[in-house]
Amino acid sequence: MKKKVFFQGEHGAFSEEAAFKYFGKNINSNSCYTFEQVFRSVRSTKYAYGIIPIENSLAGSLHLNYDLLMRYNLQIVGEINHRISHHLIGIKRSRIKDIKKIISHPVALQQCKNFIKTIKSIDVTETYDTAGSVKMLMKSGSINSAAIASYSASKLYGGKILKRNIEDYKENFTRFLLLSKKKVKTIGKPNKTSIVFTLKNESGILYKALSGFAIRGIDLTKIESRPIRERPFEYYFYLDFVGYIDDINVKNAIKQLRELTDYIKILGSYPKFMS
């Protein structure tokens, strides 16, 4: 049976590319309009995965997805870093000198702003999705419009790549998380664990919370704070660190952390991405 994987965006989106990179091409990939729909689809399907972007090396964290990790009771079961290469895509008869309008997702437009500046008198329009912008372009048939999206989207919808790799910085990577309703056991492999917690209102409490990891030599790879809506100017802390949740030193660090927290949730222990 093919693995069912939900992703946000149209087919040809970077999230779908990341899913193929992680699982291979022989999957049943399912397009969702929103990130929350990805979470809901995984939660309501018996055997399914979701894939979501969580941070980009240039644009930073996707705060919405951090909030959704908090709200939905799903497990992180994997991660993958995927190179983001943006291409200028037109219809078959288009040439760069014909282009008067560019459409794409706002993040893609931001990451290609230096190239966009080279085209005089250009109209830039934001859309809901990179691959979706190619789909819209091909439907319109306009030789004066172009989309910014992936090679996969160009190939899938029959577009023509007018200019390759137009992103401002070539070191452009997005980290994706794999989600499931069930935990995975990965003992013996290089692992990461993700947690979220709140802290008591005490002086130096964050230092004390993190010291339990430092004294045990646990490598912290990411910390992110998000506001607690019901408690103004108080925060959830999301923490990624190297180690498996059942490792003795990780257990002891979590035990120490629990003494300082009002709330803690294990988001998942999963294989660390190895490039």
Protein backbone atom coordinates (compact mmCIF):
# COMPACT_ATOMS: atom_id res chain seq x y z
CA MET A 1 0.00 0.00 0.00
CA LYS A 2 1.32 3.45 -0.91
CA LYS A 3 1.97 5.85 1.95
CA LYS A 4 -0.60 8.65 2.06
CA VAL A 5 1.06 12.03 2.58
CA PHE A 6 -0.72 15.38 2.98
CA PHE A 7 0.99 18.66 2.09
CA GLN A 8 -0.01 22.31 1.73
CA GLY A 9 -0.19 23.75 -1.77
CA GLU A 10 -0.88 22.52 -5.27
CA HIS A 11 0.89 19.51 -6.75
CA GLY A 12 4.40 20.60 -7.67
CA ALA A 13 4.83 22.61 -4.47
CA PHE A 14 8.13 22.51 -2.60
CA SER A 15 6.40 20.59 0.21
CA GLU A 16 5.49 17.83 -2.22
CA GLU A 17 9.07 17.80 -3.53
CA ALA A 18 10.27 17.34 0.07
CA ALA A 19 7.80 14.49 0.57
CA PHE A 20 9.13 12.71 -2.54
CA LYS A 21 12.69 13.29 -1.33
CA TYR A 22 11.88 11.73 2.06
CA PHE A 23 9.65 8.81 1.04
CA GLY A 24 10.47 8.31 -2.64
CA LYS A 25 8.14 8.83 -5.61
CA ASN A 26 5.88 5.87 -4.87
CA ILE A 27 3.52 7.70 -2.47
CA ASN A 28 -0.05 8.95 -2.57
CA SER A 29 0.48 12.70 -2.20
CA ASN A 30 -2.57 14.77 -1.29
CA SER A 31 -2.85 18.52 -1.77
CA CYS A 32 -4.32 20.70 1.03
CA TYR A 33 -5.23 24.38 0.75
CA THR A 34 -4.00 25.35 4.24
CA PHE A 35 -1.49 24.07 6.78
CA GLU A 36 -4.28 23.48 9.27
CA GLN A 37 -5.99 21.25 6.71
CA VAL A 38 -2.80 19.15 6.67
CA PHE A 39 -3.02 18.67 10.44
CA ARG A 40 -6.73 17.87 10.31
CA SER A 41 -6.28 15.41 7.45
CA VAL A 42 -3.55 13.47 9.26
CA ARG A 43 -5.62 13.42 12.45
CA SER A 44 -8.72 12.08 10.68
CA THR A 45 -7.01 9.49 8.43
CA LYS A 46 -6.15 6.03 9.76
CA TYR A 47 -2.72 5.66 8.19
CA ALA A 48 -1.27 8.92 6.94
CA TYR A 49 1.59 11.38 7.20
CA GLY A 50 1.73 15.14 6.90
CA ILE A 51 4.68 17.25 5.81
CA ILE A 52 5.01 20.88 6.85
CA PRO A 53 7.74 23.52 6.52
CA ILE A 54 8.90 24.75 9.92
CA GLU A 55 11.82 27.05 9.15
CA ASN A 56 13.70 28.52 6.21
CA SER A 57 17.40 29.38 6.27
CA LEU A 58 16.64 32.87 4.93
CA ALA A 59 13.07 33.73 5.98
CA GLY A 60 13.22 32.16 9.46
CA SER A 61 10.52 30.26 11.33
CA LEU A 62 6.97 29.60 10.18
CA HIS A 63 5.16 30.71 13.31
CA LEU A 64 1.76 29.41 12.23
CA ASN A 65 3.07 25.86 12.10
CA TYR A 66 4.61 26.15 15.55
CA ASP A 67 1.18 27.15 16.84
CA LEU A 68 -0.46 24.22 15.04
CA LEU A 69 2.04 21.78 16.58
CA MET A 70 0.83 23.01 19.94
CA ARG A 71 -2.87 22.72 19.12
CA TYR A 72 -2.95 19.31 17.42
CA ASN A 73 -1.98 16.07 19.11
CA LEU A 74 0.29 14.76 16.35
CA GLN A 75 3.81 13.37 16.60
CA ILE A 76 6.86 14.60 14.73
CA VAL A 77 8.33 11.42 13.22
CA GLY A 78 10.95 12.79 10.83
CA GLU A 79 12.64 15.83 9.34
CA ILE A 80 14.29 16.73 6.06
CA ASN A 81 16.14 19.78 4.72
CA HIS A 82 15.24 20.63 1.14
CA ARG A 83 17.05 23.02 -1.20
CA ILE A 84 14.71 25.70 -2.54
CA SER A 85 15.45 26.67 -6.15
CA HIS A 86 13.19 29.28 -7.72
CA HIS A 87 12.65 29.54 -11.49
CA LEU A 88 10.91 32.13 -13.64
CA ILE A 89 8.23 30.23 -15.56
CA GLY A 90 6.13 31.35 -18.50
CA ILE A 91 3.91 29.75 -21.11
CA LYS A 92 5.53 28.09 -24.13
CA ARG A 93 5.44 31.21 -26.32
CA SER A 94 6.78 33.61 -23.67
CA ARG A 95 10.15 35.34 -23.63
CA ILE A 96 11.66 37.28 -20.73
CA LYS A 97 11.33 40.55 -22.66
CA ASP A 98 7.57 39.93 -22.91
CA ILE A 99 7.05 39.71 -19.13
CA LYS A 100 5.14 42.58 -17.49
CA LYS A 101 3.73 40.72 -14.49
CA ILE A 102 5.13 38.18 -12.03
CA ILE A 103 2.98 36.11 -9.68
CA SER A 104 3.98 33.85 -6.79
CA HIS A 105 3.76 33.22 -3.06
CA PRO A 106 5.00 36.26 -1.06
CA VAL A 107 7.95 34.34 0.44
CA ALA A 108 9.16 33.31 -3.02
CA LEU A 109 8.81 36.89 -4.27
CA GLN A 110 10.82 38.15 -1.30
CA GLN A 111 13.57 35.59 -1.95
CA CYS A 112 13.87 36.68 -5.59
CA LYS A 113 13.62 40.44 -5.16
CA ASN A 114 17.05 41.21 -6.66
CA PHE A 115 16.15 39.44 -9.90
CA ILE A 116 12.70 41.06 -9.99
CA LYS A 117 14.33 44.50 -9.78
CA THR A 118 16.15 43.81 -13.06
CA ILE A 119 12.85 43.75 -14.96
CA LYS A 120 11.61 47.27 -15.66
CA SER A 121 7.99 48.31 -15.06
CA ILE A 122 7.05 44.93 -13.61
CA ASP A 123 3.78 44.30 -11.75
CA VAL A 124 4.25 41.88 -8.84
CA THR A 125 1.21 39.99 -7.51
CA GLU A 126 1.10 37.72 -4.48
CA THR A 127 -0.69 34.35 -4.72
CA TYR A 128 -1.51 31.57 -2.26
CA ASP A 129 1.11 29.11 -3.53
CA THR A 130 4.15 28.84 -5.82
CA ALA A 131 2.91 25.82 -7.77
CA GLY A 132 -0.58 27.32 -7.75
CA SER A 133 0.80 30.41 -9.47
CA VAL A 134 2.04 28.24 -12.37
CA LYS A 135 -1.34 26.52 -12.56
CA MET A 136 -3.04 29.95 -12.72
CA LEU A 137 -0.57 31.18 -15.33
CA MET A 138 -1.12 28.23 -17.66
CA LYS A 139 -4.86 28.64 -17.35
CA SER A 140 -4.63 32.34 -18.26
CA GLY A 141 -2.40 31.72 -21.30
CA SER A 142 -0.82 35.16 -20.95
CA ILE A 143 2.54 35.64 -22.68
CA ASN A 144 3.08 38.79 -20.59
CA SER A 145 2.89 37.03 -17.22
CA ALA A 146 5.29 34.68 -15.46
CA ALA A 147 5.32 32.72 -12.22
CA ILE A 148 8.07 31.95 -9.74
CA ALA A 149 8.03 28.32 -8.67
CA SER A 150 9.84 24.98 -8.70
CA TYR A 151 11.07 22.91 -11.61
CA SER A 152 8.48 20.29 -10.63
CA ALA A 153 5.64 22.80 -11.03
CA SER A 154 6.92 23.88 -14.44
CA LYS A 155 7.13 20.28 -15.64
CA LEU A 156 3.78 19.26 -14.16
CA TYR A 157 1.73 22.11 -15.68
CA GLY A 158 3.57 22.41 -18.98
CA GLY A 159 5.36 25.69 -18.34
CA LYS A 160 8.56 26.99 -19.89
CA ILE A 161 11.49 27.95 -17.67
CA LEU A 162 12.57 31.41 -18.78
CA LYS A 163 15.31 31.82 -16.16
CA ARG A 164 16.68 29.24 -13.73
CA ASN A 165 17.78 29.71 -10.13
CA ILE A 166 16.68 33.31 -9.69
CA GLU A 167 16.77 33.28 -5.87
CA ASP A 168 18.94 35.97 -4.29
CA TYR A 169 20.95 33.46 -2.26
CA LYS A 170 21.80 29.94 -3.37
CA GLU A 171 22.08 28.68 0.23
CA ASN A 172 18.30 28.61 0.54
CA PHE A 173 17.01 25.59 2.47
CA THR A 174 13.72 24.79 4.17
CA ARG A 175 13.45 22.34 7.04
CA PHE A 176 10.33 20.18 6.83
CA LEU A 177 8.77 18.06 9.58
CA LEU A 178 6.98 14.74 9.04
CA LEU A 179 3.83 14.28 11.16
CA SER A 180 1.89 11.19 12.18
CA LYS A 181 -0.64 10.11 14.80
CA LYS A 182 1.75 7.40 16.01
CA LYS A 183 5.21 7.63 17.53
CA VAL A 184 8.24 5.97 15.93
CA LYS A 185 10.98 4.01 17.65
CA THR A 186 14.45 4.88 16.38
CA ILE A 187 16.75 3.60 19.11
CA GLY A 188 20.40 3.44 18.05
CA LYS A 189 20.12 6.10 15.33
CA PRO A 190 21.17 9.77 15.58
CA ASN A 191 17.97 11.34 16.86
CA LYS A 192 16.40 14.66 17.67
CA THR A 193 13.59 15.46 20.08
CA SER A 194 11.19 18.40 19.99
CA ILE A 195 9.28 19.67 23.03
CA VAL A 196 7.18 22.67 24.02
CA PHE A 197 6.84 24.05 27.54
CA THR A 198 5.88 27.05 29.64
CA LEU A 199 7.88 28.35 32.59
CA LYS A 200 7.01 29.58 36.04
CA ASN A 201 7.37 33.32 36.61
CA GLU A 202 10.71 33.35 38.43
CA SER A 203 13.94 35.29 37.99
CA GLY A 204 16.47 33.47 35.78
CA ILE A 205 14.01 30.65 35.08
CA LEU A 206 14.96 30.18 31.40
CA TYR A 207 18.63 29.85 32.30
CA LYS A 208 17.75 27.23 34.91
CA ALA A 209 15.53 25.38 32.42
CA LEU A 210 18.26 25.13 29.78
CA SER A 211 21.07 24.37 32.23
CA GLY A 212 19.73 20.84 32.72
CA PHE A 213 20.58 20.13 29.09
CA ALA A 214 23.93 21.94 29.17
CA ILE A 215 25.34 20.05 32.16
CA ARG A 216 24.49 16.75 30.45
CA GLY A 217 26.14 17.73 27.18
CA ILE A 218 22.85 17.71 25.23
CA ASP A 219 23.14 19.78 22.05
CA LEU A 220 20.29 22.31 21.67
CA THR A 221 19.66 22.92 17.97
CA LYS A 222 16.69 25.31 18.09
CA ILE A 223 14.70 27.41 20.57
CA GLU A 224 11.62 29.39 19.57
CA SER A 225 9.19 31.38 21.69
CA ARG A 226 5.52 31.96 20.84
CA PRO A 227 3.03 34.10 22.79
CA ILE A 228 0.35 32.49 24.95
CA ARG A 229 -2.80 34.22 23.74
CA GLU A 230 -4.69 33.79 27.02
CA ARG A 231 -1.77 35.17 29.08
CA PRO A 232 -0.37 38.45 27.68
CA PHE A 233 3.44 38.68 27.59
CA GLU A 234 3.91 35.05 28.58
CA TYR A 235 5.31 32.48 26.16
CA TYR A 236 5.48 28.90 25.00
CA PHE A 237 9.06 27.75 24.40
CA TYR A 238 9.71 25.27 21.61
CA LEU A 239 12.98 23.38 21.97
CA ASP A 240 14.79 20.98 19.62
CA PHE A 241 17.75 19.00 20.89
CA VAL A 242 19.90 16.04 19.86
CA GLY A 243 18.96 12.82 21.61
CA TYR A 244 16.20 10.23 21.96
CA ILE A 245 13.46 10.71 24.54
CA ASP A 246 14.31 7.40 26.28
CA ASP A 247 18.05 8.15 26.60
CA ILE A 248 18.92 8.32 30.30
CA ASN A 249 20.53 11.76 30.10
CA VAL A 250 17.53 13.10 28.14
CA LYS A 251 15.12 11.60 30.70
CA ASN A 252 17.01 13.31 33.52
CA ALA A 253 17.10 16.66 31.70
CA ILE A 254 13.34 16.46 31.10
CA LYS A 255 12.79 15.50 34.75
CA GLN A 256 14.71 18.59 35.87
CA LEU A 257 12.80 20.74 33.38
CA ARG A 258 9.44 19.52 34.70
CA GLU A 259 10.26 20.98 38.11
CA LEU A 260 10.44 24.44 36.54
CA THR A 261 7.48 24.29 34.17
CA ASP A 262 3.73 24.80 34.34
CA TYR A 263 3.28 22.70 31.19
CA ILE A 264 5.38 20.45 28.97
CA LYS A 265 4.53 18.43 25.86
CA ILE A 266 6.75 16.02 23.91
CA LEU A 267 6.20 16.79 20.22
CA GLY A 268 8.27 13.85 19.00
CA SER A 269 11.56 11.94 18.91
CA TYR A 270 12.66 11.20 15.37
CA PRO A 271 15.67 10.44 13.14
CA LYS A 272 17.95 13.42 12.71
CA PHE A 273 18.34 14.53 9.09
CA MET A 274 21.78 13.63 7.80
CA SER A 275 22.82 15.56 4.68
